[in-house]
Amino acid sequence: MAKTLNTPRPVRVRWGDGLPAEVDGEQVEALRESWLVEDRWWEGRPLRRRYWELIGVQGRNLVVFHDLCTGRWYAQGA
């Protein structure tokens, strides 16, 4: 069975000052960028996500997204 690469994993996000303030207990130090993805609108299950590329206080690059259809948060990448 093939393994899917870069599968999103659920995370806990604490919101503050208009952006994620904490991801799975790690505080966010800075925002690199944010973008919106809207795709598959022509299908029965559209994809709507707000992505955030962040820098954690430990210097890690964090890419998370808020699934705007379900309200859940996920980490993308390593």
PDB file of N, CA and C in Angstrom:
ATOM      1  N   MET A   1       0.846  -1.186   0.000  1.00  0.00           N
ATOM      2  CA  MET A   1       0.000   0.000   0.000  1.00  0.00           C
ATOM      3  C   MET A   1       0.887   1.243   0.000  1.00  0.00           C
ATOM      4  N   ALA A   2       0.589   2.186  -0.857  1.00  0.00           N
ATOM      5  CA  ALA A   2       1.381   3.415  -0.973  1.00  0.00           C
ATOM      6  C   ALA A   2       1.031   4.384   0.148  1.00  0.00           C
ATOM      7  N   LYS A   3       2.053   5.059   0.652  1.00  0.00           N
ATOM      8  CA  LYS A   3       1.856   6.061   1.698  1.00  0.00           C
ATOM      9  C   LYS A   3       1.687   7.431   1.054  1.00  0.00           C
ATOM     10  N   THR A   4       0.686   8.168   1.492  1.00  0.00           N
ATOM     11  CA  THR A   4       0.452   9.511   0.973  1.00  0.00           C
ATOM     12  C   THR A   4       1.440  10.472   1.618  1.00  0.00           C
ATOM     13  N   LEU A   5       2.113  11.249   0.812  1.00  0.00           N
ATOM     14  CA  LEU A   5       3.070  12.225   1.328  1.00  0.00           C
ATOM     15  C   LEU A   5       2.359  13.501   1.758  1.00  0.00           C
ATOM     16  N   ASN A   6       2.880  14.120   2.796  1.00  0.00           N
ATOM     17  CA  ASN A   6       2.408  15.433   3.229  1.00  0.00           C
ATOM     18  C   ASN A   6       0.931  15.438   3.629  1.00  0.00           C
ATOM     19  N   THR A   7       0.488  14.367   4.271  1.00  0.00           N
ATOM     20  CA  THR A   7      -0.899  14.281   4.728  1.00  0.00           C
ATOM     21  C   THR A   7      -1.115  15.244   5.892  1.00  0.00           C
ATOM     22  N   PRO A   8      -2.129  16.091   5.835  1.00  0.00           N
ATOM     23  CA  PRO A   8      -2.398  17.009   6.947  1.00  0.00           C
ATOM     24  C   PRO A   8      -2.717  16.240   8.227  1.00  0.00           C
ATOM     25  N   ARG A   9      -2.269  16.767   9.370  1.00  0.00           N
ATOM     26  CA  ARG A   9      -2.588  16.151  10.653  1.00  0.00           C
ATOM     27  C   ARG A   9      -3.315  17.167  11.521  1.00  0.00           C
ATOM     28  N   PRO A  10      -4.298  16.722  12.283  1.00  0.00           N
ATOM     29  CA  PRO A  10      -5.045  17.640  13.146  1.00  0.00           C
ATOM     30  C   PRO A  10      -4.143  18.286  14.196  1.00  0.00           C
ATOM     31  N   VAL A  11      -4.382  19.573  14.472  1.00  0.00           N
ATOM     32  CA  VAL A  11      -3.645  20.299  15.511  1.00  0.00           C
ATOM     33  C   VAL A  11      -4.618  21.152  16.319  1.00  0.00           C
ATOM     34  N   ARG A  12      -4.159  21.549  17.510  1.00  0.00           N
ATOM     35  CA  ARG A  12      -4.907  22.487  18.344  1.00  0.00           C
ATOM     36  C   ARG A  12      -4.332  23.878  18.102  1.00  0.00           C
ATOM     37  N   VAL A  13      -5.189  24.812  17.810  1.00  0.00           N
ATOM     38  CA  VAL A  13      -4.754  26.187  17.560  1.00  0.00           C
ATOM     39  C   VAL A  13      -5.494  27.115  18.511  1.00  0.00           C
ATOM     40  N   ARG A  14      -4.724  27.974  19.188  1.00  0.00           N
ATOM     41  CA  ARG A  14      -5.318  29.028  20.015  1.00  0.00           C
ATOM     42  C   ARG A  14      -5.219  30.309  19.217  1.00  0.00           C
ATOM     43  N   TRP A  15      -6.336  31.004  19.099  1.00  0.00           N
ATOM     44  CA  TRP A  15      -6.454  32.209  18.278  1.00  0.00           C
ATOM     45  C   TRP A  15      -6.194  33.434  19.133  1.00  0.00           C
ATOM     46  N   GLY A  16      -5.544  34.456  18.546  1.00  0.00           N
ATOM     47  CA  GLY A  16      -5.338  35.707  19.260  1.00  0.00           C
ATOM     48  C   GLY A  16      -4.886  36.814  18.331  1.00  0.00           C
ATOM     49  N   ASP A  17      -5.420  38.005  18.506  1.00  0.00           N
ATOM     50  CA  ASP A  17      -5.034  39.187  17.711  1.00  0.00           C
ATOM     51  C   ASP A  17      -5.158  38.973  16.200  1.00  0.00           C
ATOM     52  N   GLY A  18      -6.194  38.246  15.774  1.00  0.00           N
ATOM     53  CA  GLY A  18      -6.453  38.082  14.351  1.00  0.00           C
ATOM     54  C   GLY A  18      -5.633  37.038  13.636  1.00  0.00           C
ATOM     55  N   LEU A  19      -4.852  36.235  14.381  1.00  0.00           N
ATOM     56  CA  LEU A  19      -4.083  35.161  13.781  1.00  0.00           C
ATOM     57  C   LEU A  19      -3.798  34.094  14.819  1.00  0.00           C
ATOM     58  N   PRO A  20      -3.326  32.918  14.380  1.00  0.00           N
ATOM     59  CA  PRO A  20      -3.007  31.881  15.350  1.00  0.00           C
ATOM     60  C   PRO A  20      -1.916  32.357  16.321  1.00  0.00           C
ATOM     61  N   ALA A  21      -2.154  32.176  17.621  1.00  0.00           N
ATOM     62  CA  ALA A  21      -1.198  32.592  18.647  1.00  0.00           C
ATOM     63  C   ALA A  21      -0.397  31.413  19.190  1.00  0.00           C
ATOM     64  N   GLU A  22      -0.946  30.201  19.006  1.00  0.00           N
ATOM     65  CA  GLU A  22      -0.301  29.013  19.549  1.00  0.00           C
ATOM     66  C   GLU A  22      -0.745  27.800  18.735  1.00  0.00           C
ATOM     67  N   VAL A  23       0.212  26.921  18.414  1.00  0.00           N
ATOM     68  CA  VAL A  23      -0.089  25.698  17.665  1.00  0.00           C
ATOM     69  C   VAL A  23       0.423  24.517  18.470  1.00  0.00           C
ATOM     70  N   ASP A  24      -0.488  23.660  18.909  1.00  0.00           N
ATOM     71  CA  ASP A  24      -0.146  22.499  19.740  1.00  0.00           C
ATOM     72  C   ASP A  24       0.773  22.869  20.902  1.00  0.00           C
ATOM     73  N   GLY A  25       0.468  23.974  21.561  1.00  0.00           N
ATOM     74  CA  GLY A  25       1.215  24.394  22.744  1.00  0.00           C
ATOM     75  C   GLY A  25       2.436  25.253  22.470  1.00  0.00           C
ATOM     76  N   GLU A  26       2.856  25.379  21.224  1.00  0.00           N
ATOM     77  CA  GLU A  26       4.009  26.227  20.886  1.00  0.00           C
ATOM     78  C   GLU A  26       3.513  27.611  20.492  1.00  0.00           C
ATOM     79  N   GLN A  27       4.019  28.628  21.164  1.00  0.00           N
ATOM     80  CA  GLN A  27       3.620  29.990  20.844  1.00  0.00           C
ATOM     81  C   GLN A  27       4.159  30.400  19.487  1.00  0.00           C
ATOM     82  N   VAL A  28       3.388  31.245  18.823  1.00  0.00           N
ATOM     83  CA  VAL A  28       3.768  31.759  17.514  1.00  0.00           C
ATOM     84  C   VAL A  28       4.517  33.073  17.710  1.00  0.00           C
ATOM     85  N   GLU A  29       5.693  33.171  17.107  1.00  0.00           N
ATOM     86  CA  GLU A  29       6.501  34.384  17.209  1.00  0.00           C
ATOM     87  C   GLU A  29       6.202  35.362  16.076  1.00  0.00           C
ATOM     88  N   ALA A  30       5.976  34.838  14.856  1.00  0.00           N
ATOM     89  CA  ALA A  30       5.778  35.732  13.710  1.00  0.00           C
ATOM     90  C   ALA A  30       4.938  35.056  12.634  1.00  0.00           C
ATOM     91  N   LEU A  31       4.332  35.892  11.828  1.00  0.00           N
ATOM     92  CA  LEU A  31       3.559  35.456  10.660  1.00  0.00           C
ATOM     93  C   LEU A  31       4.399  35.726   9.424  1.00  0.00           C
ATOM     94  N   ARG A  32       4.591  34.712   8.598  1.00  0.00           N
ATOM     95  CA  ARG A  32       5.274  34.913   7.319  1.00  0.00           C
ATOM     96  C   ARG A  32       4.277  35.330   6.257  1.00  0.00           C
ATOM     97  N   GLU A  33       3.186  34.548   6.135  1.00  0.00           N
ATOM     98  CA  GLU A  33       2.150  34.902   5.170  1.00  0.00           C
ATOM     99  C   GLU A  33       0.888  34.100   5.445  1.00  0.00           C
ATOM    100  N   SER A  34      -0.186  34.531   4.812  1.00  0.00           N
ATOM    101  CA  SER A  34      -1.468  33.848   4.902  1.00  0.00           C
ATOM    102  C   SER A  34      -2.105  33.890   3.522  1.00  0.00           C
ATOM    103  N   TRP A  35      -2.815  32.823   3.160  1.00  0.00           N
ATOM    104  CA  TRP A  35      -3.485  32.797   1.867  1.00  0.00           C
ATOM    105  C   TRP A  35      -4.739  31.927   1.940  1.00  0.00           C
ATOM    106  N   LEU A  36      -5.631  32.171   1.021  1.00  0.00           N
ATOM    107  CA  LEU A  36      -6.904  31.469   0.954  1.00  0.00           C
ATOM    108  C   LEU A  36      -6.913  30.565  -0.269  1.00  0.00           C
ATOM    109  N   VAL A  37      -7.374  29.326  -0.075  1.00  0.00           N
ATOM    110  CA  VAL A  37      -7.523  28.384  -1.182  1.00  0.00           C
ATOM    111  C   VAL A  37      -8.998  28.019  -1.281  1.00  0.00           C
ATOM    112  N   GLU A  38      -9.572  28.264  -2.440  1.00  0.00           N
ATOM    113  CA  GLU A  38     -10.943  27.849  -2.726  1.00  0.00           C
ATOM    114  C   GLU A  38     -10.894  27.061  -4.024  1.00  0.00           C
ATOM    115  N   ASP A  39     -11.246  25.781  -3.949  1.00  0.00           N
ATOM    116  CA  ASP A  39     -11.132  24.898  -5.099  1.00  0.00           C
ATOM    117  C   ASP A  39     -12.290  23.904  -5.072  1.00  0.00           C
ATOM    118  N   ARG A  40     -12.460  23.228  -6.153  1.00  0.00           N
ATOM    119  CA  ARG A  40     -13.506  22.203  -6.285  1.00  0.00           C
ATOM    120  C   ARG A  40     -14.905  22.749  -6.025  1.00  0.00           C
ATOM    121  N   TRP A  41     -15.099  24.037  -6.266  1.00  0.00           N
ATOM    122  CA  TRP A  41     -16.403  24.658  -6.036  1.00  0.00           C
ATOM    123  C   TRP A  41     -17.476  24.081  -6.945  1.00  0.00           C
ATOM    124  N   TRP A  42     -17.058  23.469  -8.030  1.00  0.00           N
ATOM    125  CA  TRP A  42     -18.003  22.893  -8.984  1.00  0.00           C
ATOM    126  C   TRP A  42     -18.456  21.492  -8.560  1.00  0.00           C
ATOM    127  N   GLU A  43     -17.815  20.918  -7.521  1.00  0.00           N
ATOM    128  CA  GLU A  43     -18.183  19.597  -7.027  1.00  0.00           C
ATOM    129  C   GLU A  43     -19.126  19.730  -5.834  1.00  0.00           C
ATOM    130  N   GLY A  44     -19.629  18.628  -5.373  1.00  0.00           N
ATOM    131  CA  GLY A  44     -20.512  18.634  -4.216  1.00  0.00           C
ATOM    132  C   GLY A  44     -19.815  18.941  -2.911  1.00  0.00           C
ATOM    133  N   ARG A  45     -18.490  18.753  -2.862  1.00  0.00           N
ATOM    134  CA  ARG A  45     -17.718  19.008  -1.639  1.00  0.00           C
ATOM    135  C   ARG A  45     -16.575  19.974  -1.948  1.00  0.00           C
ATOM    136  N   PRO A  46     -16.838  21.263  -1.926  1.00  0.00           N
ATOM    137  CA  PRO A  46     -15.770  22.229  -2.230  1.00  0.00           C
ATOM    138  C   PRO A  46     -14.685  22.235  -1.164  1.00  0.00           C
ATOM    139  N   LEU A  47     -13.529  22.714  -1.543  1.00  0.00           N
ATOM    140  CA  LEU A  47     -12.394  22.842  -0.640  1.00  0.00           C
ATOM    141  C   LEU A  47     -12.204  24.324  -0.348  1.00  0.00           C
ATOM    142  N   ARG A  48     -12.271  24.707   0.930  1.00  0.00           N
ATOM    143  CA  ARG A  48     -12.062  26.099   1.342  1.00  0.00           C
ATOM    144  C   ARG A  48     -11.146  26.084   2.561  1.00  0.00           C
ATOM    145  N   ARG A  49      -9.938  26.616   2.397  1.00  0.00           N
ATOM    146  CA  ARG A  49      -8.950  26.614   3.475  1.00  0.00           C
ATOM    147  C   ARG A  49      -8.252  27.963   3.572  1.00  0.00           C
ATOM    148  N   ARG A  50      -8.000  28.406   4.796  1.00  0.00           N
ATOM    149  CA  ARG A  50      -7.166  29.578   5.055  1.00  0.00           C
ATOM    150  C   ARG A  50      -5.854  29.040   5.626  1.00  0.00           C
ATOM    151  N   TYR A  51      -4.768  29.257   4.898  1.00  0.00           N
ATOM    152  CA  TYR A  51      -3.443  28.798   5.315  1.00  0.00           C
ATOM    153  C   TYR A  51      -2.694  29.912   6.042  1.00  0.00           C
ATOM    154  N   TRP A  52      -1.850  29.508   6.982  1.00  0.00           N
ATOM    155  CA  TRP A  52      -0.991  30.420   7.737  1.00  0.00           C
ATOM    156  C   TRP A  52       0.407  29.824   7.786  1.00  0.00           C
ATOM    157  N   GLU A  53       1.403  30.562   7.315  1.00  0.00           N
ATOM    158  CA  GLU A  53       2.796  30.153   7.482  1.00  0.00           C
ATOM    159  C   GLU A  53       3.345  30.983   8.630  1.00  0.00           C
ATOM    160  N   LEU A  54       3.743  30.285   9.685  1.00  0.00           N
ATOM    161  CA  LEU A  54       4.119  30.925  10.939  1.00  0.00           C
ATOM    162  C   LEU A  54       5.518  30.500  11.364  1.00  0.00           C
ATOM    163  N   ILE A  55       6.098  31.268  12.286  1.00  0.00           N
ATOM    164  CA  ILE A  55       7.357  30.892  12.920  1.00  0.00           C
ATOM    165  C   ILE A  55       7.079  30.743  14.400  1.00  0.00           C
ATOM    166  N   GLY A  56       7.386  29.551  14.930  1.00  0.00           N
ATOM    167  CA  GLY A  56       7.198  29.298  16.354  1.00  0.00           C
ATOM    168  C   GLY A  56       8.329  29.886  17.177  1.00  0.00           C
ATOM    169  N   VAL A  57       8.131  30.000  18.480  1.00  0.00           N
ATOM    170  CA  VAL A  57       9.161  30.576  19.355  1.00  0.00           C
ATOM    171  C   VAL A  57      10.427  29.730  19.375  1.00  0.00           C
ATOM    172  N   GLN A  58      10.334  28.465  18.990  1.00  0.00           N
ATOM    173  CA  GLN A  58      11.516  27.595  18.923  1.00  0.00           C
ATOM    174  C   GLN A  58      12.212  27.693  17.564  1.00  0.00           C
ATOM    175  N   GLY A  59      11.724  28.609  16.699  1.00  0.00           N
ATOM    176  CA  GLY A  59      12.340  28.824  15.396  1.00  0.00           C
ATOM    177  C   GLY A  59      11.816  27.917  14.298  1.00  0.00           C
ATOM    178  N   ARG A  60      10.863  27.072  14.625  1.00  0.00           N
ATOM    179  CA  ARG A  60      10.309  26.155  13.620  1.00  0.00           C
ATOM    180  C   ARG A  60       9.363  26.882  12.676  1.00  0.00           C
ATOM    181  N   ASN A  61       9.390  26.468  11.413  1.00  0.00           N
ATOM    182  CA  ASN A  61       8.427  26.952  10.433  1.00  0.00           C
ATOM    183  C   ASN A  61       7.172  26.096  10.578  1.00  0.00           C
ATOM    184  N   LEU A  62       6.028  26.729  10.801  1.00  0.00           N
ATOM    185  CA  LEU A  62       4.764  26.027  10.997  1.00  0.00           C
ATOM    186  C   LEU A  62       3.796  26.437   9.899  1.00  0.00           C
ATOM    187  N   VAL A  63       3.275  25.458   9.174  1.00  0.00           N
ATOM    188  CA  VAL A  63       2.242  25.739   8.178  1.00  0.00           C
ATOM    189  C   VAL A  63       0.974  25.034   8.644  1.00  0.00           C
ATOM    190  N   VAL A  64      -0.042  25.838   8.952  1.00  0.00           N
ATOM    191  CA  VAL A  64      -1.318  25.294   9.406  1.00  0.00           C
ATOM    192  C   VAL A  64      -2.420  25.840   8.515  1.00  0.00           C
ATOM    193  N   PHE A  65      -3.537  25.111   8.480  1.00  0.00           N
ATOM    194  CA  PHE A  65      -4.690  25.644   7.766  1.00  0.00           C
ATOM    195  C   PHE A  65      -5.956  25.399   8.552  1.00  0.00           C
ATOM    196  N   HIS A  66      -6.884  26.316   8.372  1.00  0.00           N
ATOM    197  CA  HIS A  66      -8.213  26.231   8.966  1.00  0.00           C
ATOM    198  C   HIS A  66      -9.149  25.785   7.858  1.00  0.00           C
ATOM    199  N   ASP A  67      -9.745  24.610   8.012  1.00  0.00           N
ATOM    200  CA  ASP A  67     -10.714  24.111   7.035  1.00  0.00           C
ATOM    201  C   ASP A  67     -11.997  24.905   7.244  1.00  0.00           C
ATOM    202  N   LEU A  68     -12.327  25.776   6.332  1.00  0.00           N
ATOM    203  CA  LEU A  68     -13.468  26.672   6.490  1.00  0.00           C
ATOM    204  C   LEU A  68     -14.810  25.958   6.304  1.00  0.00           C
ATOM    205  N   CYS A  69     -14.777  24.722   5.811  1.00  0.00           N
ATOM    206  CA  CYS A  69     -16.016  23.947   5.667  1.00  0.00           C
ATOM    207  C   CYS A  69     -16.345  23.196   6.957  1.00  0.00           C
ATOM    208  N   THR A  70     -15.312  22.705   7.664  1.00  0.00           N
ATOM    209  CA  THR A  70     -15.538  21.901   8.871  1.00  0.00           C
ATOM    210  C   THR A  70     -15.212  22.652  10.158  1.00  0.00           C
ATOM    211  N   GLY A  71     -14.400  23.728  10.051  1.00  0.00           N
ATOM    212  CA  GLY A  71     -13.972  24.465  11.243  1.00  0.00           C
ATOM    213  C   GLY A  71     -12.773  23.855  11.942  1.00  0.00           C
ATOM    214  N   ARG A  72     -12.204  22.794  11.394  1.00  0.00           N
ATOM    215  CA  ARG A  72     -11.059  22.118  12.020  1.00  0.00           C
ATOM    216  C   ARG A  72      -9.742  22.725  11.555  1.00  0.00           C
ATOM    217  N   TRP A  73      -8.704  22.540  12.393  1.00  0.00           N
ATOM    218  CA  TRP A  73      -7.357  23.012  12.096  1.00  0.00           C
ATOM    219  C   TRP A  73      -6.443  21.822  11.814  1.00  0.00           C
ATOM    220  N   TYR A  74      -5.495  22.023  10.869  1.00  0.00           N
ATOM    221  CA  TYR A  74      -4.549  20.987  10.499  1.00  0.00           C
ATOM    222  C   TYR A  74      -3.169  21.597  10.284  1.00  0.00           C
ATOM    223  N   ALA A  75      -2.129  20.782  10.505  1.00  0.00           N
ATOM    224  CA  ALA A  75      -0.754  21.145  10.153  1.00  0.00           C
ATOM    225  C   ALA A  75      -0.450  20.511   8.806  1.00  0.00           C
ATOM    226  N   GLN A  76       0.255  21.240   7.984  1.00  0.00           N
ATOM    227  CA  GLN A  76       0.644  20.752   6.662  1.00  0.00           C
ATOM    228  C   GLN A  76       2.165  20.677   6.655  1.00  0.00           C
ATOM    229  N   GLY A  77       2.712  19.556   6.217  1.00  0.00           N
ATOM    230  CA  GLY A  77       4.156  19.434   6.151  1.00  0.00           C
ATOM    231  C   GLY A  77       4.719  18.699   7.356  1.00  0.00           C
ATOM    232  N   ALA A  78       6.016  18.841   7.533  1.00  0.00           N
ATOM    233  CA  ALA A  78       6.724  18.095   8.593  1.00  0.00           C
ATOM    234  C   ALA A  78       6.336  18.513   9.977  1.00  0.00           C
TER     235      ALA A  78
END
